[in-house]
Amino acid sequence: MEIIRKLKEVLDTIPLTIDVILLILTLIGAVYGAAKALLEVPDFVKDWWDRLQDRSYRVKTTMVKVMIGEDQTQIIKLRNVRVHTVRESLELDPVPTYGPGTARDDREAELPKGHYQSDFFKTHYSVPGRSSVVPEAGGNKFRIDFPSDEQLSPHHDHPILLCYFLNERLGTLFDPPYVEASQPVGSERLVIEVTFPPGWRLKDKSTAVETVDSEGNPLKTLDSKRARIFHYKYRLGPGQEPTHWIRAVIRKPPQDHAIRLRWSWGHSS
């Protein structure tokens, strides 16, 4: 009889156990849903704030890759852009300038001519869209036009890539050596990677990330907590000298000024 009584007690607790399990699963689902909603709220709030300020898009992240050659440099920019209205075109990047002294004395870097008459088909491109160079006050800019089947839809994030070449010698374009990312650089993260040409080496403790004003004058050096800089070396093949490259990762980059990655280097010869 004792065994039957204990068995009955166990059976009586089963419904309560099931209820507790169902309650726990419900709470887990509710917490997950609330957390997911909270993660999506910032974008909704930022979209609302952008519309109040009459902004039709927002750049969230930017990655800049600069591959330096002795006679030509390739620049690739990948942005994550969130748009609030249908976009048929975007103008985000000026044609780079260089020169000694203040920015007002700089000149535009030369874009190599394409293989087709009066175009740059082989020297700059975008994905998605079609890139072109258009005149703007203060200098030319790259414009990206989106065909009807590639237009950017509102309330979504869109990766946009722009690639172009600069037909300038290393000693002209990188004297002094630095790469500058113009606004918009992204509200969440900016990454700048620079690959050195063969034979060029980074000097120790010579890198820094800083903001600069419209004349190219340094304003503020970002500390290592906000801007982390990494130095890498790799060999393209056996017996070859290692290729040096640097990578700067800037969290929550400043939004009011251009951001510059500078370094010092020397040739191994």
Protein backbone atom coordinates (compact mmCIF):
# COMPACT_ATOMS: atom_id res chain seq x y z
CA MET A 1 0.00 0.00 0.00
CA GLU A 2 2.89 2.33 0.79
CA ILE A 3 4.23 1.90 -2.74
CA ILE A 4 0.85 2.71 -4.25
CA ARG A 5 0.56 5.87 -2.09
CA LYS A 6 4.00 7.15 -3.16
CA LEU A 7 3.25 6.39 -6.81
CA LYS A 8 0.03 8.38 -6.50
CA GLU A 9 1.94 11.33 -5.02
CA VAL A 10 4.40 11.30 -7.93
CA LEU A 11 1.60 11.18 -10.48
CA ASP A 12 -0.16 14.07 -8.74
CA THR A 13 2.95 16.30 -9.14
CA ILE A 14 3.33 15.73 -12.91
CA PRO A 15 0.75 18.36 -14.03
CA LEU A 16 2.40 20.94 -11.76
CA THR A 17 5.84 20.09 -13.19
CA ILE A 18 4.55 20.48 -16.75
CA ASP A 19 2.98 23.82 -15.84
CA VAL A 20 6.29 25.06 -14.42
CA ILE A 21 8.19 23.96 -17.54
CA LEU A 22 5.67 25.68 -19.81
CA LEU A 23 5.90 28.85 -17.71
CA ILE A 24 9.72 28.86 -17.93
CA LEU A 25 9.62 28.36 -21.71
CA THR A 26 7.08 31.18 -22.05
CA LEU A 27 9.29 33.51 -19.99
CA ILE A 28 12.34 32.61 -22.10
CA GLY A 29 10.41 33.36 -25.29
CA ALA A 30 9.17 36.67 -23.89
CA VAL A 31 12.68 37.74 -22.81
CA TYR A 32 14.10 36.79 -26.23
CA GLY A 33 11.37 38.75 -28.03
CA ALA A 34 11.89 41.78 -25.81
CA ALA A 35 15.68 41.67 -26.30
CA LYS A 36 15.28 41.39 -30.06
CA ALA A 37 12.85 44.32 -30.07
CA LEU A 38 15.27 46.41 -28.01
CA LEU A 39 18.07 45.69 -30.47
CA GLU A 40 15.88 46.95 -33.32
CA VAL A 41 14.71 50.08 -31.50
CA PRO A 42 17.96 52.05 -32.00
CA ASP A 43 17.64 51.87 -35.80
CA PHE A 44 14.01 52.95 -35.58
CA VAL A 45 14.94 55.85 -33.29
CA LYS A 46 17.86 56.87 -35.50
CA ASP A 47 15.64 56.72 -38.60
CA TRP A 48 13.15 59.01 -36.89
CA TRP A 49 15.94 61.39 -35.84
CA ASP A 50 17.36 61.44 -39.38
CA ARG A 51 13.97 62.38 -40.80
CA LEU A 52 13.66 65.21 -38.29
CA GLN A 53 16.99 66.54 -39.57
CA ASP A 54 15.92 66.06 -43.19
CA ARG A 55 18.49 63.33 -43.89
CA SER A 56 17.57 60.83 -46.55
CA TYR A 57 20.22 58.24 -45.60
CA ARG A 58 22.70 57.27 -42.90
CA VAL A 59 26.11 55.61 -43.30
CA LYS A 60 26.56 53.01 -40.56
CA THR A 61 29.99 51.54 -41.31
CA THR A 62 32.82 52.18 -43.75
CA MET A 63 35.80 50.04 -44.71
CA VAL A 64 38.62 51.62 -46.74
CA LYS A 65 41.33 49.52 -48.40
CA VAL A 66 44.30 51.33 -49.93
CA MET A 67 46.78 49.30 -51.99
CA ILE A 68 49.80 51.44 -52.73
CA GLY A 69 51.95 50.89 -55.80
CA GLU A 70 55.02 52.75 -57.00
CA ASP A 71 53.12 54.35 -59.90
CA GLN A 72 49.45 53.69 -59.15
CA THR A 73 47.28 53.30 -56.06
CA GLN A 74 43.98 51.43 -55.77
CA ILE A 75 41.34 52.52 -53.27
CA ILE A 76 38.32 50.41 -52.33
CA LYS A 77 35.53 51.68 -50.08
CA LEU A 78 32.76 49.47 -48.74
CA ARG A 79 29.96 51.22 -46.88
CA ASN A 80 26.85 49.98 -45.14
CA VAL A 81 24.17 52.59 -45.90
CA ARG A 82 20.66 52.77 -44.50
CA VAL A 83 18.28 54.82 -46.64
CA HIS A 84 14.94 56.35 -45.66
CA THR A 85 13.61 56.99 -49.17
CA VAL A 86 14.10 55.29 -52.53
CA ARG A 87 17.52 56.37 -53.82
CA GLU A 88 18.35 56.62 -57.50
CA SER A 89 21.85 57.97 -56.86
CA LEU A 90 24.39 58.78 -54.13
CA GLU A 91 27.38 61.14 -53.94
CA LEU A 92 29.59 60.17 -51.02
CA ASP A 93 33.24 60.58 -52.02
CA PRO A 94 35.29 63.45 -53.41
CA VAL A 95 38.07 62.74 -55.88
CA PRO A 96 41.16 62.65 -53.60
CA THR A 97 43.51 65.62 -53.48
CA TYR A 98 47.12 65.92 -52.37
CA GLY A 99 49.95 68.37 -52.09
CA PRO A 100 52.24 70.08 -49.58
CA GLY A 101 50.97 72.82 -47.29
CA THR A 102 47.30 73.55 -46.63
CA ALA A 103 44.40 71.74 -48.27
CA ARG A 104 43.41 74.81 -50.29
CA ASP A 105 46.65 74.45 -52.31
CA ASP A 106 46.14 70.74 -53.05
CA ARG A 107 45.29 69.42 -56.48
CA GLU A 108 43.17 66.49 -57.50
CA ALA A 109 44.89 63.18 -58.01
CA GLU A 110 44.83 61.99 -61.62
CA LEU A 111 42.35 59.31 -62.55
CA PRO A 112 43.75 57.15 -65.36
CA LYS A 113 41.85 57.24 -68.65
CA GLY A 114 39.84 54.21 -69.65
CA HIS A 115 40.14 52.18 -72.84
CA TYR A 116 37.01 53.79 -74.22
CA GLN A 117 36.78 57.36 -75.44
CA SER A 118 35.92 59.94 -72.73
CA ASP A 119 35.08 57.48 -69.97
CA PHE A 120 36.67 55.89 -66.91
CA PHE A 121 35.17 52.45 -67.41
CA LYS A 122 38.36 50.63 -66.49
CA THR A 123 39.48 52.93 -63.67
CA HIS A 124 36.54 53.20 -61.27
CA TYR A 125 33.37 51.23 -60.63
CA SER A 126 30.70 50.60 -58.02
CA VAL A 127 28.61 47.65 -56.86
CA PRO A 128 25.67 48.09 -57.08
CA GLY A 129 25.15 50.93 -59.56
CA ARG A 130 27.33 52.76 -62.10
CA SER A 131 29.96 55.27 -60.98
CA SER A 132 30.82 58.55 -62.67
CA VAL A 133 32.71 61.72 -61.82
CA VAL A 134 30.59 64.88 -61.52
CA PRO A 135 31.64 68.48 -60.83
CA GLU A 136 30.84 69.87 -57.40
CA ALA A 137 31.64 73.12 -55.63
CA GLY A 138 35.12 72.75 -54.19
CA GLY A 139 36.07 69.72 -56.29
CA ASN A 140 34.80 66.76 -58.28
CA LYS A 141 32.94 63.87 -56.66
CA PHE A 142 32.12 60.28 -57.48
CA ARG A 143 28.43 59.73 -58.11
CA ILE A 144 26.79 56.32 -58.08
CA ASP A 145 23.63 55.95 -60.18
CA PHE A 146 21.38 52.99 -59.50
CA PRO A 147 19.37 51.42 -62.36
CA SER A 148 15.71 50.73 -61.72
CA ASP A 149 16.40 47.15 -60.63
CA GLU A 150 19.18 48.25 -58.22
CA GLN A 151 17.60 51.27 -56.55
CA LEU A 152 18.05 51.32 -52.78
CA SER A 153 14.85 50.50 -50.93
CA PRO A 154 13.97 52.49 -47.79
CA HIS A 155 14.31 51.24 -44.20
CA HIS A 156 16.96 48.71 -45.17
CA ASP A 157 20.76 48.49 -44.91
CA HIS A 158 22.61 48.33 -48.24
CA PRO A 159 26.29 47.45 -48.83
CA ILE A 160 27.78 49.81 -51.42
CA LEU A 161 31.26 49.36 -52.88
CA LEU A 162 33.27 52.01 -54.76
CA CYS A 163 36.67 51.26 -56.27
CA TYR A 164 39.00 53.63 -58.14
CA PHE A 165 42.63 54.03 -59.16
CA LEU A 166 44.93 57.04 -58.83
CA ASN A 167 47.64 57.53 -61.44
CA GLU A 168 50.21 59.17 -59.16
CA ARG A 169 53.66 58.15 -58.04
CA LEU A 170 54.14 56.96 -54.48
CA GLY A 171 56.56 59.78 -53.63
CA THR A 172 54.04 62.35 -54.81
CA LEU A 173 50.84 60.97 -53.35
CA PHE A 174 52.21 59.89 -49.95
CA ASP A 175 54.54 62.69 -48.90
CA PRO A 176 53.93 62.76 -45.98
CA PRO A 177 52.41 59.28 -45.74
CA TYR A 178 48.80 59.15 -44.60
CA VAL A 179 45.32 58.09 -45.72
CA GLU A 180 42.33 60.30 -45.02
CA ALA A 181 38.71 59.17 -44.79
CA SER A 182 36.26 61.97 -45.57
CA GLN A 183 32.78 62.16 -44.11
CA PRO A 184 30.48 60.31 -44.02
CA VAL A 185 32.65 57.61 -42.43
CA GLY A 186 29.87 55.80 -40.58
CA SER A 187 28.33 56.21 -37.16
CA GLU A 188 29.26 52.76 -35.84
CA ARG A 189 32.67 51.78 -37.20
CA LEU A 190 35.41 52.87 -39.59
CA VAL A 191 38.18 50.53 -40.76
CA ILE A 192 41.21 51.74 -42.76
CA GLU A 193 43.65 49.24 -44.25
CA VAL A 194 46.82 50.27 -46.06
CA THR A 195 49.00 47.77 -47.96
CA PHE A 196 52.57 48.94 -48.62
CA PRO A 197 54.35 48.27 -51.91
CA PRO A 198 57.15 45.70 -51.95
CA GLY A 199 60.31 46.87 -50.20
CA TRP A 200 58.61 49.40 -47.93
CA ARG A 201 58.55 48.80 -44.17
CA LEU A 202 56.67 50.43 -41.33
CA LYS A 203 58.76 52.21 -38.72
CA ASP A 204 58.06 51.19 -35.14
CA LYS A 205 55.62 53.25 -33.09
CA SER A 206 54.94 55.64 -35.98
CA THR A 207 51.20 55.14 -36.52
CA ALA A 208 48.37 57.34 -35.25
CA VAL A 209 44.72 58.09 -35.99
CA GLU A 210 43.65 61.72 -35.77
CA THR A 211 40.90 64.08 -36.84
CA VAL A 212 41.79 66.94 -39.18
CA ASP A 213 40.07 70.20 -40.12
CA SER A 214 39.10 71.35 -43.61
CA GLU A 215 42.64 72.68 -44.18
CA GLY A 216 44.25 69.36 -43.23
CA ASN A 217 45.51 70.53 -39.84
CA PRO A 218 45.50 67.90 -37.06
CA LEU A 219 42.85 68.44 -34.39
CA LYS A 220 42.84 65.49 -32.02
CA THR A 221 44.65 62.15 -31.79
CA LEU A 222 42.29 59.29 -30.93
CA ASP A 223 43.42 57.09 -28.04
CA SER A 224 44.02 53.36 -28.32
CA LYS A 225 40.67 52.50 -26.71
CA ARG A 226 38.78 54.20 -29.51
CA ALA A 227 41.20 53.56 -32.41
CA ARG A 228 43.13 50.28 -32.45
CA ILE A 229 45.99 49.96 -34.95
CA PHE A 230 47.44 46.64 -36.07
CA HIS A 231 50.60 45.92 -38.09
CA TYR A 232 50.94 42.79 -40.22
CA LYS A 233 53.54 41.23 -42.51
CA TYR A 234 53.15 38.42 -45.01
CA ARG A 235 55.14 36.89 -47.88
CA LEU A 236 53.52 36.59 -51.28
CA GLY A 237 55.91 33.81 -52.29
CA PRO A 238 59.06 31.96 -51.25
CA GLY A 239 62.17 34.12 -51.26
CA GLN A 240 60.22 37.38 -51.49
CA GLU A 241 60.42 40.19 -48.98
CA PRO A 242 57.44 40.41 -46.64
CA THR A 243 54.70 42.85 -47.57
CA HIS A 244 53.73 45.21 -44.74
CA TRP A 245 50.22 46.45 -44.11
CA ILE A 246 48.44 48.31 -41.34
CA ARG A 247 44.83 48.23 -40.17
CA ALA A 248 43.06 50.81 -38.01
CA VAL A 249 39.67 50.04 -36.42
CA ILE A 250 37.81 53.09 -35.08
CA ARG A 251 34.72 52.50 -32.94
CA LYS A 252 32.09 55.24 -32.94
CA PRO A 253 34.20 57.48 -35.19
CA PRO A 254 33.88 61.28 -34.95
CA GLN A 255 31.23 62.66 -37.31
CA ASP A 256 32.33 66.28 -37.74
CA HIS A 257 35.79 66.01 -39.34
CA ALA A 258 37.83 63.85 -41.69
CA ILE A 259 39.81 61.04 -40.05
CA ARG A 260 43.45 60.42 -40.94
CA LEU A 261 45.64 57.36 -40.46
CA ARG A 262 49.29 58.43 -40.62
CA TRP A 263 52.54 56.49 -40.39
CA SER A 264 56.26 56.62 -41.09
CA TRP A 265 58.04 54.17 -43.35
CA GLY A 266 61.29 53.48 -45.09
CA HIS A 267 62.59 51.43 -48.01
CA SER A 268 64.55 48.29 -47.27
CA SER A 269 67.20 49.03 -49.91
